[in-house]
């Protein structure tokens, strides 16, 4: 299949160029439309906002350390707690403003199921900030 004209007398060989004029025309029209419409998107309503003096809150959220040992025991700030006590403490912490950040430390031999249960309990009690604490990897010798 060759690209060419229907008049074989004027151009007997196949046409090897692609006509890009229609594409350039469309691009120029789009460019003009964007140039004209750009100022409409950048204009904003001019407002003079009122000034108010309010003390800024510099209170940083507390950090609670949840540790889980290899046997699945849970520690709240290095204090051994049971499942019911943990749920109560998480519910209390969720009511604080600002909410404390939970730093979850788990032994490398801890079952994932225990870690997932603690995370799910924290989420159902309303806590949203949870981080994992790890030891930095030591360089190989």
Protein backbone atom coordinates (compact mmCIF):
# COMPACT_ATOMS: atom_id res chain seq x y z
CA UNK A 1 0.00 0.00 0.00
CA UNK A 2 1.51 3.32 -0.95
CA UNK A 3 0.53 6.83 -0.06
CA UNK A 4 0.12 8.93 -3.14
CA UNK A 5 -2.24 10.91 -5.26
CA UNK A 6 -4.98 9.61 -7.55
CA UNK A 7 -3.39 11.34 -10.54
CA UNK A 8 -0.60 8.98 -11.63
CA UNK A 9 0.45 11.24 -14.53
CA UNK A 10 1.78 14.06 -12.36
CA UNK A 11 3.44 12.00 -9.61
CA UNK A 12 4.10 8.40 -10.59
CA UNK A 13 6.20 7.45 -7.48
CA UNK A 14 4.88 6.97 -3.94
CA UNK A 15 4.69 10.04 -1.75
CA UNK A 16 7.14 9.66 1.15
CA UNK A 17 6.21 12.81 3.17
CA UNK A 18 3.55 13.11 5.80
CA UNK A 19 1.52 16.27 5.62
CA UNK A 20 1.74 17.86 9.08
CA UNK A 21 -0.03 21.11 8.17
CA UNK A 22 -3.40 20.09 9.70
CA UNK A 23 -1.70 19.07 12.93
CA UNK A 24 0.19 22.37 13.11
CA UNK A 25 -3.05 24.27 12.47
CA UNK A 26 -4.80 22.48 15.32
CA UNK A 27 -1.87 23.09 17.67
CA UNK A 28 -1.81 26.80 16.83
CA UNK A 29 -5.55 27.10 17.45
CA UNK A 30 -5.14 25.37 20.82
CA UNK A 31 -2.23 27.66 21.69
CA UNK A 32 -4.33 30.74 20.96
CA UNK A 33 -7.22 29.37 23.03
CA UNK A 34 -4.92 28.70 26.00
CA UNK A 35 -3.30 32.14 25.73
CA UNK A 36 -6.69 33.82 25.76
CA UNK A 37 -8.17 31.70 28.55
CA UNK A 38 -5.11 31.64 30.88
CA UNK A 39 -5.81 35.03 32.53
CA UNK A 40 -9.31 33.83 33.46
CA UNK A 41 -7.87 30.99 35.52
CA UNK A 42 -5.36 33.13 37.39
CA UNK A 43 -7.68 35.96 38.41
CA UNK A 44 -8.86 35.71 41.97
CA UNK A 45 -11.32 37.61 44.06
CA UNK A 46 -9.59 40.47 45.84
CA UNK A 47 -10.38 40.29 49.53
CA UNK A 48 -9.13 42.19 52.52
CA UNK A 49 -9.22 39.65 55.29
CA UNK A 50 -9.79 40.72 58.89
CA UNK A 51 -6.97 40.48 61.40
CA UNK A 52 -7.33 38.64 64.68
CA UNK A 53 -4.97 38.14 67.56
CA UNK A 54 -5.00 34.60 68.86
CA UNK A 55 -2.34 32.78 70.79
CA UNK A 56 -0.66 30.10 68.74
CA UNK A 57 -0.66 26.60 70.09
CA UNK A 58 2.88 25.35 70.46
CA UNK A 59 1.84 22.16 72.20
CA UNK A 60 3.55 19.24 70.51
CA UNK A 61 1.75 15.91 70.58
CA UNK A 62 3.07 13.42 73.09
CA UNK A 63 4.61 10.16 71.98
CA UNK A 64 3.47 6.87 73.44
CA UNK A 65 5.74 3.88 73.02
CA UNK A 66 4.01 0.56 72.43
CA UNK A 67 6.44 -2.33 72.63
CA UNK A 68 5.68 -5.94 71.77
CA UNK A 69 8.14 -8.60 72.85
CA UNK A 70 8.81 -11.93 71.16
CA UNK A 71 6.18 -13.66 73.34
CA UNK A 72 3.42 -11.21 72.31
CA UNK A 73 3.31 -9.24 75.57
CA UNK A 74 2.47 -5.57 75.11
CA UNK A 75 4.14 -2.69 76.98
CA UNK A 76 2.69 0.84 77.24
CA UNK A 77 5.64 3.19 77.86
CA UNK A 78 7.70 0.27 79.24
CA UNK A 79 4.84 -0.85 81.51
CA UNK A 80 3.33 -4.30 80.95
CA UNK A 81 -0.39 -4.08 80.08
CA UNK A 82 -3.02 -6.65 79.26
CA UNK A 83 -5.39 -6.55 76.30
CA UNK A 84 -8.24 -4.84 78.19
CA UNK A 85 -5.93 -2.27 79.77
CA UNK A 86 -4.37 -1.58 76.37
CA UNK A 87 -7.79 -0.95 74.83
CA UNK A 88 -8.70 1.41 77.68
CA UNK A 89 -5.42 3.33 77.36
CA UNK A 90 -5.82 3.62 73.58
CA UNK A 91 -9.38 4.94 74.02
CA UNK A 92 -8.13 7.54 76.55
CA UNK A 93 -5.32 8.59 74.23
CA UNK A 94 -7.73 8.99 71.32
CA UNK A 95 -9.74 11.54 73.31
CA UNK A 96 -6.70 13.76 73.94
CA UNK A 97 -6.16 16.85 71.84
CA UNK A 98 -3.76 16.68 70.06
CA UNK A 99 -3.68 12.93 69.81
CA UNK A 100 -0.41 11.33 70.84
CA UNK A 101 1.73 9.61 68.28
CA UNK A 102 2.08 5.87 68.78
CA UNK A 103 5.61 4.56 68.30
CA UNK A 104 5.26 0.82 67.75
CA UNK A 105 8.33 -1.24 68.58
CA UNK A 106 8.13 -4.97 67.95
CA UNK A 107 10.72 -7.67 68.46
CA UNK A 108 11.91 -9.20 65.20
CA UNK A 109 10.58 -12.58 66.36
CA UNK A 110 7.10 -11.23 67.15
CA UNK A 111 4.31 -12.84 65.18
CA UNK A 112 2.78 -10.52 62.62
CA UNK A 113 -0.68 -11.43 63.88
CA UNK A 114 0.03 -9.77 67.24
CA UNK A 115 1.31 -6.60 65.59
CA UNK A 116 -1.72 -6.49 63.29
CA UNK A 117 -4.08 -6.91 66.25
CA UNK A 118 -2.46 -4.01 68.12
CA UNK A 119 -2.67 -1.82 65.01
CA UNK A 120 -6.33 -2.73 64.48
CA UNK A 121 -7.14 -2.01 68.13
CA UNK A 122 -5.49 1.41 67.88
CA UNK A 123 -7.43 2.20 64.73
CA UNK A 124 -10.80 1.10 66.14
CA UNK A 125 -10.20 3.23 69.22
CA UNK A 126 -9.70 6.29 66.99
CA UNK A 127 -5.94 6.80 66.91
CA UNK A 128 -4.58 7.91 63.56
CA UNK A 129 -0.85 8.52 64.06
CA UNK A 130 1.19 5.34 64.18
CA UNK A 131 4.86 4.89 63.45
CA UNK A 132 7.23 1.93 63.50
CA UNK A 133 10.51 2.15 65.39
CA UNK A 134 13.47 0.21 64.01
CA UNK A 135 17.19 0.08 64.67
CA UNK A 136 19.34 1.45 61.89
CA UNK A 137 21.12 -1.24 59.93
CA UNK A 138 24.70 -1.66 61.05
CA UNK A 139 27.35 -1.47 58.32
CA UNK A 140 28.85 -4.78 57.26
CA UNK A 141 32.37 -5.47 58.41
